Amino acid sequence: MPKQVDCSQNITVDNLADRSLKNEEWMDSQEAANYLRISIGSLRNMTSNGQIPHFKLGRRNRYLRDELRELLLSEQRGKIRGN
């Protein structure tokens, strides 16, 4: 049985390794905050509230650039629609 990683999406170590092989770009908290143009404190709050998808590796959060891009696009669509 694969070892479980403590993360918001409950993925296995094997699945995590598969994802990294697909050349997906992982970010640490500082990089993610810079990418989203928010403070590190806001990123932490939004992460703990489940507003930002993340993966927990040990005690550190990691973020996928593609997922953050989707979050930004959905925010922009909501503003355009008046939500």
PDB file of N, CA and C in Angstrom:
ATOM      1  N   MET A   1       0.854  -1.184   0.000  1.00  0.00           N
ATOM      2  CA  MET A   1       0.000   0.000   0.000  1.00  0.00           C
ATOM      3  C   MET A   1       0.893   1.238   0.000  1.00  0.00           C
ATOM      4  N   PRO A   2       0.612   2.220  -0.909  1.00  0.00           N
ATOM      5  CA  PRO A   2       1.440   3.427  -0.958  1.00  0.00           C
ATOM      6  C   PRO A   2       1.303   4.265   0.303  1.00  0.00           C
ATOM      7  N   LYS A   3       2.382   4.917   0.653  1.00  0.00           N
ATOM      8  CA  LYS A   3       2.393   5.794   1.823  1.00  0.00           C
ATOM      9  C   LYS A   3       1.610   7.066   1.517  1.00  0.00           C
ATOM     10  N   GLN A   4       0.736   7.499   2.430  1.00  0.00           N
ATOM     11  CA  GLN A   4      -0.073   8.699   2.241  1.00  0.00           C
ATOM     12  C   GLN A   4       0.709   9.944   2.639  1.00  0.00           C
ATOM     13  N   VAL A   5       0.499  11.007   1.900  1.00  0.00           N
ATOM     14  CA  VAL A   5       1.071  12.311   2.206  1.00  0.00           C
ATOM     15  C   VAL A   5      -0.022  13.142   2.840  1.00  0.00           C
ATOM     16  N   ASP A   6       0.289  13.885   3.889  1.00  0.00           N
ATOM     17  CA  ASP A   6      -0.680  14.767   4.518  1.00  0.00           C
ATOM     18  C   ASP A   6      -0.873  15.972   3.614  1.00  0.00           C
ATOM     19  N   CYS A   7      -1.995  16.016   2.898  1.00  0.00           N
ATOM     20  CA  CYS A   7      -2.234  17.120   1.980  1.00  0.00           C
ATOM     21  C   CYS A   7      -3.720  17.355   1.804  1.00  0.00           C
ATOM     22  N   SER A   8      -4.061  18.511   1.268  1.00  0.00           N
ATOM     23  CA  SER A   8      -5.465  18.867   1.111  1.00  0.00           C
ATOM     24  C   SER A   8      -6.173  17.988   0.103  1.00  0.00           C
ATOM     25  N   GLN A   9      -5.457  17.432  -0.845  1.00  0.00           N
ATOM     26  CA  GLN A   9      -6.102  16.640  -1.877  1.00  0.00           C
ATOM     27  C   GLN A   9      -5.886  15.150  -1.669  1.00  0.00           C
ATOM     28  N   ASN A  10      -5.276  14.756  -0.569  1.00  0.00           N
ATOM     29  CA  ASN A  10      -5.101  13.365  -0.178  1.00  0.00           C
ATOM     30  C   ASN A  10      -4.552  12.507  -1.314  1.00  0.00           C
ATOM     31  N   ILE A  11      -3.428  12.905  -1.864  1.00  0.00           N
ATOM     32  CA  ILE A  11      -2.800  12.134  -2.916  1.00  0.00           C
ATOM     33  C   ILE A  11      -1.706  11.269  -2.314  1.00  0.00           C
ATOM     34  N   THR A  12      -1.275  10.260  -3.044  1.00  0.00           N
ATOM     35  CA  THR A  12      -0.217   9.391  -2.557  1.00  0.00           C
ATOM     36  C   THR A  12       1.128   9.903  -3.042  1.00  0.00           C
ATOM     37  N   VAL A  13       2.178   9.420  -2.414  1.00  0.00           N
ATOM     38  CA  VAL A  13       3.528   9.799  -2.824  1.00  0.00           C
ATOM     39  C   VAL A  13       3.757   9.390  -4.275  1.00  0.00           C
ATOM     40  N   ASP A  14       3.255   8.210  -4.658  1.00  0.00           N
ATOM     41  CA  ASP A  14       3.418   7.748  -6.034  1.00  0.00           C
ATOM     42  C   ASP A  14       2.744   8.697  -7.015  1.00  0.00           C
ATOM     43  N   ASN A  15       1.525   9.141  -6.705  1.00  0.00           N
ATOM     44  CA  ASN A  15       0.820  10.073  -7.584  1.00  0.00           C
ATOM     45  C   ASN A  15       1.549  11.402  -7.655  1.00  0.00           C
ATOM     46  N   LEU A  16       2.095  11.837  -6.540  1.00  0.00           N
ATOM     47  CA  LEU A  16       2.831  13.099  -6.507  1.00  0.00           C
ATOM     48  C   LEU A  16       4.060  13.009  -7.409  1.00  0.00           C
ATOM     49  N   ALA A  17       4.750  11.888  -7.361  1.00  0.00           N
ATOM     50  CA  ALA A  17       5.912  11.693  -8.225  1.00  0.00           C
ATOM     51  C   ALA A  17       5.494  11.693  -9.688  1.00  0.00           C
ATOM     52  N   ASP A  18       4.364  11.051 -10.007  1.00  0.00           N
ATOM     53  CA  ASP A  18       3.862  11.043 -11.380  1.00  0.00           C
ATOM     54  C   ASP A  18       3.575  12.458 -11.858  1.00  0.00           C
ATOM     55  N   ARG A  19       2.983  13.279 -11.003  1.00  0.00           N
ATOM     56  CA  ARG A  19       2.654  14.651 -11.393  1.00  0.00           C
ATOM     57  C   ARG A  19       3.914  15.446 -11.671  1.00  0.00           C
ATOM     58  N   SER A  20       4.959  15.247 -10.882  1.00  0.00           N
ATOM     59  CA  SER A  20       6.180  16.019 -11.096  1.00  0.00           C
ATOM     60  C   SER A  20       6.868  15.599 -12.388  1.00  0.00           C
ATOM     61  N   LEU A  21       6.663  14.371 -12.820  1.00  0.00           N
ATOM     62  CA  LEU A  21       7.248  13.911 -14.067  1.00  0.00           C
ATOM     63  C   LEU A  21       6.590  14.561 -15.280  1.00  0.00           C
ATOM     64  N   LYS A  22       5.415  15.121 -15.104  1.00  0.00           N
ATOM     65  CA  LYS A  22       4.714  15.777 -16.200  1.00  0.00           C
ATOM     66  C   LYS A  22       5.176  17.219 -16.381  1.00  0.00           C
ATOM     67  N   ASN A  23       6.268  17.575 -15.747  1.00  0.00           N
ATOM     68  CA  ASN A  23       6.843  18.919 -15.859  1.00  0.00           C
ATOM     69  C   ASN A  23       5.920  20.014 -15.356  1.00  0.00           C
ATOM     70  N   GLU A  24       5.081  19.690 -14.393  1.00  0.00           N
ATOM     71  CA  GLU A  24       4.253  20.724 -13.789  1.00  0.00           C
ATOM     72  C   GLU A  24       5.129  21.542 -12.852  1.00  0.00           C
ATOM     73  N   GLU A  25       4.885  22.822 -12.830  1.00  0.00           N
ATOM     74  CA  GLU A  25       5.719  23.693 -12.016  1.00  0.00           C
ATOM     75  C   GLU A  25       5.132  23.850 -10.624  1.00  0.00           C
ATOM     76  N   TRP A  26       5.906  23.445  -9.627  1.00  0.00           N
ATOM     77  CA  TRP A  26       5.517  23.555  -8.229  1.00  0.00           C
ATOM     78  C   TRP A  26       6.081  24.848  -7.666  1.00  0.00           C
ATOM     79  N   MET A  27       5.329  25.466  -6.762  1.00  0.00           N
ATOM     80  CA  MET A  27       5.778  26.698  -6.118  1.00  0.00           C
ATOM     81  C   MET A  27       5.718  26.535  -4.608  1.00  0.00           C
ATOM     82  N   ASP A  28       6.627  27.221  -3.926  1.00  0.00           N
ATOM     83  CA  ASP A  28       6.520  27.299  -2.476  1.00  0.00           C
ATOM     84  C   ASP A  28       5.579  28.455  -2.142  1.00  0.00           C
ATOM     85  N   SER A  29       5.371  28.708  -0.866  1.00  0.00           N
ATOM     86  CA  SER A  29       4.405  29.729  -0.447  1.00  0.00           C
ATOM     87  C   SER A  29       4.779  31.124  -0.931  1.00  0.00           C
ATOM     88  N   GLN A  30       6.039  31.479  -0.848  1.00  0.00           N
ATOM     89  CA  GLN A  30       6.463  32.816  -1.283  1.00  0.00           C
ATOM     90  C   GLN A  30       6.254  32.998  -2.778  1.00  0.00           C
ATOM     91  N   GLU A  31       6.619  31.990  -3.552  1.00  0.00           N
ATOM     92  CA  GLU A  31       6.434  32.072  -5.000  1.00  0.00           C
ATOM     93  C   GLU A  31       4.952  32.162  -5.367  1.00  0.00           C
ATOM     94  N   ALA A  32       4.121  31.382  -4.668  1.00  0.00           N
ATOM     95  CA  ALA A  32       2.680  31.405  -4.938  1.00  0.00           C
ATOM     96  C   ALA A  32       2.083  32.764  -4.592  1.00  0.00           C
ATOM     97  N   ALA A  33       2.485  33.334  -3.468  1.00  0.00           N
ATOM     98  CA  ALA A  33       1.984  34.658  -3.077  1.00  0.00           C
ATOM     99  C   ALA A  33       2.386  35.703  -4.115  1.00  0.00           C
ATOM    100  N   ASN A  34       3.617  35.647  -4.572  1.00  0.00           N
ATOM    101  CA  ASN A  34       4.076  36.579  -5.609  1.00  0.00           C
ATOM    102  C   ASN A  34       3.283  36.393  -6.897  1.00  0.00           C
ATOM    103  N   TYR A  35       3.054  35.156  -7.287  1.00  0.00           N
ATOM    104  CA  TYR A  35       2.316  34.857  -8.514  1.00  0.00           C
ATOM    105  C   TYR A  35       0.888  35.399  -8.442  1.00  0.00           C
ATOM    106  N   LEU A  36       0.251  35.241  -7.271  1.00  0.00           N
ATOM    107  CA  LEU A  36      -1.124  35.709  -7.086  1.00  0.00           C
ATOM    108  C   LEU A  36      -1.194  37.197  -6.745  1.00  0.00           C
ATOM    109  N   ARG A  37      -0.029  37.786  -6.482  1.00  0.00           N
ATOM    110  CA  ARG A  37       0.063  39.203  -6.095  1.00  0.00           C
ATOM    111  C   ARG A  37      -0.730  39.496  -4.821  1.00  0.00           C
ATOM    112  N   ILE A  38      -0.513  38.619  -3.834  1.00  0.00           N
ATOM    113  CA  ILE A  38      -1.107  38.803  -2.511  1.00  0.00           C
ATOM    114  C   ILE A  38       0.005  38.634  -1.479  1.00  0.00           C
ATOM    115  N   SER A  39      -0.271  39.045  -0.259  1.00  0.00           N
ATOM    116  CA  SER A  39       0.733  38.895   0.799  1.00  0.00           C
ATOM    117  C   SER A  39       0.823  37.431   1.212  1.00  0.00           C
ATOM    118  N   ILE A  40       1.934  37.082   1.825  1.00  0.00           N
ATOM    119  CA  ILE A  40       2.114  35.717   2.320  1.00  0.00           C
ATOM    120  C   ILE A  40       1.069  35.398   3.388  1.00  0.00           C
ATOM    121  N   GLY A  41       0.698  36.388   4.195  1.00  0.00           N
ATOM    122  CA  GLY A  41      -0.342  36.190   5.207  1.00  0.00           C
ATOM    123  C   GLY A  41      -1.694  35.891   4.583  1.00  0.00           C
ATOM    124  N   SER A  42      -2.036  36.614   3.519  1.00  0.00           N
ATOM    125  CA  SER A  42      -3.293  36.350   2.810  1.00  0.00           C
ATOM    126  C   SER A  42      -3.280  34.959   2.196  1.00  0.00           C
ATOM    127  N   LEU A  43      -2.143  34.572   1.628  1.00  0.00           N
ATOM    128  CA  LEU A  43      -2.024  33.232   1.050  1.00  0.00           C
ATOM    129  C   LEU A  43      -2.258  32.174   2.118  1.00  0.00           C
ATOM    130  N   ARG A  44      -1.641  32.347   3.275  1.00  0.00           N
ATOM    131  CA  ARG A  44      -1.815  31.373   4.358  1.00  0.00           C
ATOM    132  C   ARG A  44      -3.262  31.299   4.814  1.00  0.00           C
ATOM    133  N   ASN A  45      -3.905  32.454   4.963  1.00  0.00           N
ATOM    134  CA  ASN A  45      -5.316  32.461   5.372  1.00  0.00           C
ATOM    135  C   ASN A  45      -6.197  31.783   4.338  1.00  0.00           C
ATOM    136  N   MET A  46      -5.998  32.119   3.073  1.00  0.00           N
ATOM    137  CA  MET A  46      -6.816  31.543   2.014  1.00  0.00           C
ATOM    138  C   MET A  46      -6.554  30.049   1.856  1.00  0.00           C
ATOM    139  N   THR A  47      -5.322  29.629   2.079  1.00  0.00           N
ATOM    140  CA  THR A  47      -4.985  28.210   2.022  1.00  0.00           C
ATOM    141  C   THR A  47      -5.679  27.458   3.149  1.00  0.00           C
ATOM    142  N   SER A  48      -5.610  27.990   4.362  1.00  0.00           N
ATOM    143  CA  SER A  48      -6.223  27.299   5.503  1.00  0.00           C
ATOM    144  C   SER A  48      -7.742  27.291   5.418  1.00  0.00           C
ATOM    145  N   ASN A  49      -8.328  28.273   4.713  1.00  0.00           N
ATOM    146  CA  ASN A  49      -9.782  28.317   4.526  1.00  0.00           C
ATOM    147  C   ASN A  49     -10.238  27.476   3.339  1.00  0.00           C
ATOM    148  N   GLY A  50      -9.308  26.850   2.634  1.00  0.00           N
ATOM    149  CA  GLY A  50      -9.656  26.003   1.500  1.00  0.00           C
ATOM    150  C   GLY A  50      -9.940  26.760   0.216  1.00  0.00           C
ATOM    151  N   GLN A  51      -9.566  28.025   0.154  1.00  0.00           N
ATOM    152  CA  GLN A  51      -9.823  28.832  -1.035  1.00  0.00           C
ATOM    153  C   GLN A  51      -8.755  28.651  -2.109  1.00  0.00           C
ATOM    154  N   ILE A  52      -7.596  28.159  -1.718  1.00  0.00           N
ATOM    155  CA  ILE A  52      -6.494  27.965  -2.655  1.00  0.00           C
ATOM    156  C   ILE A  52      -6.062  26.502  -2.591  1.00  0.00           C
ATOM    157  N   PRO A  53      -6.064  25.805  -3.739  1.00  0.00           N
ATOM    158  CA  PRO A  53      -5.639  24.402  -3.744  1.00  0.00           C
ATOM    159  C   PRO A  53      -4.147  24.290  -3.445  1.00  0.00           C
ATOM    160  N   HIS A  54      -3.803  23.314  -2.617  1.00  0.00           N
ATOM    161  CA  HIS A  54      -2.402  23.142  -2.249  1.00  0.00           C
ATOM    162  C   HIS A  54      -2.138  21.698  -1.880  1.00  0.00           C
ATOM    163  N   PHE A  55      -0.881  21.367  -1.768  1.00  0.00           N
ATOM    164  CA  PHE A  55      -0.424  20.055  -1.339  1.00  0.00           C
ATOM    165  C   PHE A  55       0.530  20.273  -0.185  1.00  0.00           C
ATOM    166  N   LYS A  56       0.402  19.457   0.837  1.00  0.00           N
ATOM    167  CA  LYS A  56       1.259  19.590   2.008  1.00  0.00           C
ATOM    168  C   LYS A  56       2.321  18.499   1.932  1.00  0.00           C
ATOM    169  N   LEU A  57       3.564  18.912   1.853  1.00  0.00           N
ATOM    170  CA  LEU A  57       4.690  17.988   1.846  1.00  0.00           C
ATOM    171  C   LEU A  57       5.469  18.208   3.129  1.00  0.00           C
ATOM    172  N   GLY A  58       5.327  17.287   4.041  1.00  0.00           N
ATOM    173  CA  GLY A  58       5.894  17.491   5.369  1.00  0.00           C
ATOM    174  C   GLY A  58       5.142  18.621   6.038  1.00  0.00           C
ATOM    175  N   ARG A  59       5.868  19.654   6.431  1.00  0.00           N
ATOM    176  CA  ARG A  59       5.222  20.811   7.066  1.00  0.00           C
ATOM    177  C   ARG A  59       5.069  21.987   6.110  1.00  0.00           C
ATOM    178  N   ARG A  60       5.409  21.791   4.870  1.00  0.00           N
ATOM    179  CA  ARG A  60       5.392  22.899   3.904  1.00  0.00           C
ATOM    180  C   ARG A  60       4.304  22.712   2.850  1.00  0.00           C
ATOM    181  N   ASN A  61       3.684  23.817   2.488  1.00  0.00           N
ATOM    182  CA  ASN A  61       2.682  23.799   1.427  1.00  0.00           C
ATOM    183  C   ASN A  61       3.364  23.988   0.080  1.00  0.00           C
ATOM    184  N   ARG A  62       2.839  23.303  -0.910  1.00  0.00           N
ATOM    185  CA  ARG A  62       3.295  23.464  -2.288  1.00  0.00           C
ATOM    186  C   ARG A  62       2.070  23.714  -3.153  1.00  0.00           C
ATOM    187  N   TYR A  63       2.271  24.492  -4.196  1.00  0.00           N
ATOM    188  CA  TYR A  63       1.181  24.914  -5.069  1.00  0.00           C
ATOM    189  C   TYR A  63       1.573  24.631  -6.510  1.00  0.00           C
ATOM    190  N   LEU A  64       0.602  24.199  -7.309  1.00  0.00           N
ATOM    191  CA  LEU A  64       0.840  23.996  -8.732  1.00  0.00           C
ATOM    192  C   LEU A  64       0.492  25.270  -9.492  1.00  0.00           C
ATOM    193  N   ARG A  65       1.404  25.706 -10.346  1.00  0.00           N
ATOM    194  CA  ARG A  65       1.181  26.930 -11.115  1.00  0.00           C
ATOM    195  C   ARG A  65      -0.112  26.836 -11.932  1.00  0.00           C
ATOM    196  N   ASP A  66      -0.378  25.702 -12.555  1.00  0.00           N
ATOM    197  CA  ASP A  66      -1.591  25.554 -13.367  1.00  0.00           C
ATOM    198  C   ASP A  66      -2.853  25.738 -12.533  1.00  0.00           C
ATOM    199  N   GLU A  67      -2.865  25.227 -11.307  1.00  0.00           N
ATOM    200  CA  GLU A  67      -4.038  25.384 -10.443  1.00  0.00           C
ATOM    201  C   GLU A  67      -4.212  26.835 -10.007  1.00  0.00           C
ATOM    202  N   LEU A  68      -3.111  27.522  -9.753  1.00  0.00           N
ATOM    203  CA  LEU A  68      -3.197  28.939  -9.391  1.00  0.00           C
ATOM    204  C   LEU A  68      -3.658  29.771 -10.584  1.00  0.00           C
ATOM    205  N   ARG A  69      -3.201  29.404 -11.775  1.00  0.00           N
ATOM    206  CA  ARG A  69      -3.641  30.100 -12.988  1.00  0.00           C
ATOM    207  C   ARG A  69      -5.150  29.932 -13.164  1.00  0.00           C
ATOM    208  N   GLU A  70      -5.654  28.717 -12.960  1.00  0.00           N
ATOM    209  CA  GLU A  70      -7.098  28.470 -13.059  1.00  0.00           C
ATOM    210  C   GLU A  70      -7.868  29.297 -12.033  1.00  0.00           C
ATOM    211  N   LEU A  71      -7.326  29.413 -10.837  1.00  0.00           N
ATOM    212  CA  LEU A  71      -7.957  30.218  -9.797  1.00  0.00           C
ATOM    213  C   LEU A  71      -8.047  31.681 -10.237  1.00  0.00           C
ATOM    214  N   LEU A  72      -6.966  32.206 -10.782  1.00  0.00           N
ATOM    215  CA  LEU A  72      -6.968  33.591 -11.260  1.00  0.00           C
ATOM    216  C   LEU A  72      -7.970  33.781 -12.397  1.00  0.00           C
ATOM    217  N   LEU A  73      -8.020  32.833 -13.313  1.00  0.00           N
ATOM    218  CA  LEU A  73      -8.960  32.935 -14.435  1.00  0.00           C
ATOM    219  C   LEU A  73     -10.403  32.885 -13.959  1.00  0.00           C
ATOM    220  N   SER A  74     -10.695  32.028 -12.997  1.00  0.00           N
ATOM    221  CA  SER A  74     -12.070  31.939 -12.485  1.00  0.00           C
ATOM    222  C   SER A  74     -12.453  33.217 -11.742  1.00  0.00           C
ATOM    223  N   GLU A  75     -11.496  33.833 -11.051  1.00  0.00           N
ATOM    224  CA  GLU A  75     -11.747  35.113 -10.380  1.00  0.00           C
ATOM    225  C   GLU A  75     -12.053  36.197 -11.409  1.00  0.00           C
ATOM    226  N   GLN A  76     -11.302  36.220 -12.495  1.00  0.00           N
ATOM    227  CA  GLN A  76     -11.525  37.222 -13.536  1.00  0.00           C
ATOM    228  C   GLN A  76     -12.877  37.012 -14.207  1.00  0.00           C
ATOM    229  N   ARG A  77     -13.250  35.748 -14.461  1.00  0.00           N
ATOM    230  CA  ARG A  77     -14.551  35.468 -15.065  1.00  0.00           C
ATOM    231  C   ARG A  77     -15.674  35.928 -14.157  1.00  0.00           C
ATOM    232  N   GLY A  78     -15.510  35.722 -12.854  1.00  0.00           N
ATOM    233  CA  GLY A  78     -16.531  36.139 -11.897  1.00  0.00           C
ATOM    234  C   GLY A  78     -16.710  37.642 -11.878  1.00  0.00           C
ATOM    235  N   LYS A  79     -15.619  38.383 -11.968  1.00  0.00           N
ATOM    236  CA  LYS A  79     -15.703  39.850 -11.974  1.00  0.00           C
ATOM    237  C   LYS A  79     -16.361  40.351 -13.257  1.00  0.00           C
ATOM    238  N   ILE A  80     -16.062  39.690 -14.369  1.00  0.00           N
ATOM    239  CA  ILE A  80     -16.651  40.095 -15.645  1.00  0.00           C
ATOM    240  C   ILE A  80     -18.161  39.863 -15.624  1.00  0.00           C
ATOM    241  N   ARG A  81     -18.589  38.762 -15.034  1.00  0.00           N
ATOM    242  CA  ARG A  81     -20.012  38.435 -14.962  1.00  0.00           C
ATOM    243  C   ARG A  81     -20.733  39.212 -13.877  1.00  0.00           C
ATOM    244  N   GLY A  82     -19.990  39.893 -13.043  1.00  0.00           N
ATOM    245  CA  GLY A  82     -20.606  40.672 -11.973  1.00  0.00           C
ATOM    246  C   GLY A  82     -20.886  39.886 -10.716  1.00  0.00           C
ATOM    247  N   ASN A  83     -20.220  38.729 -10.543  1.00  0.00           N
ATOM    248  CA  ASN A  83     -20.414  37.902  -9.341  1.00  0.00           C
ATOM    249  C   ASN A  83     -19.596  38.417  -8.195  1.00  0.00           C
TER     250      ASN A  83
END
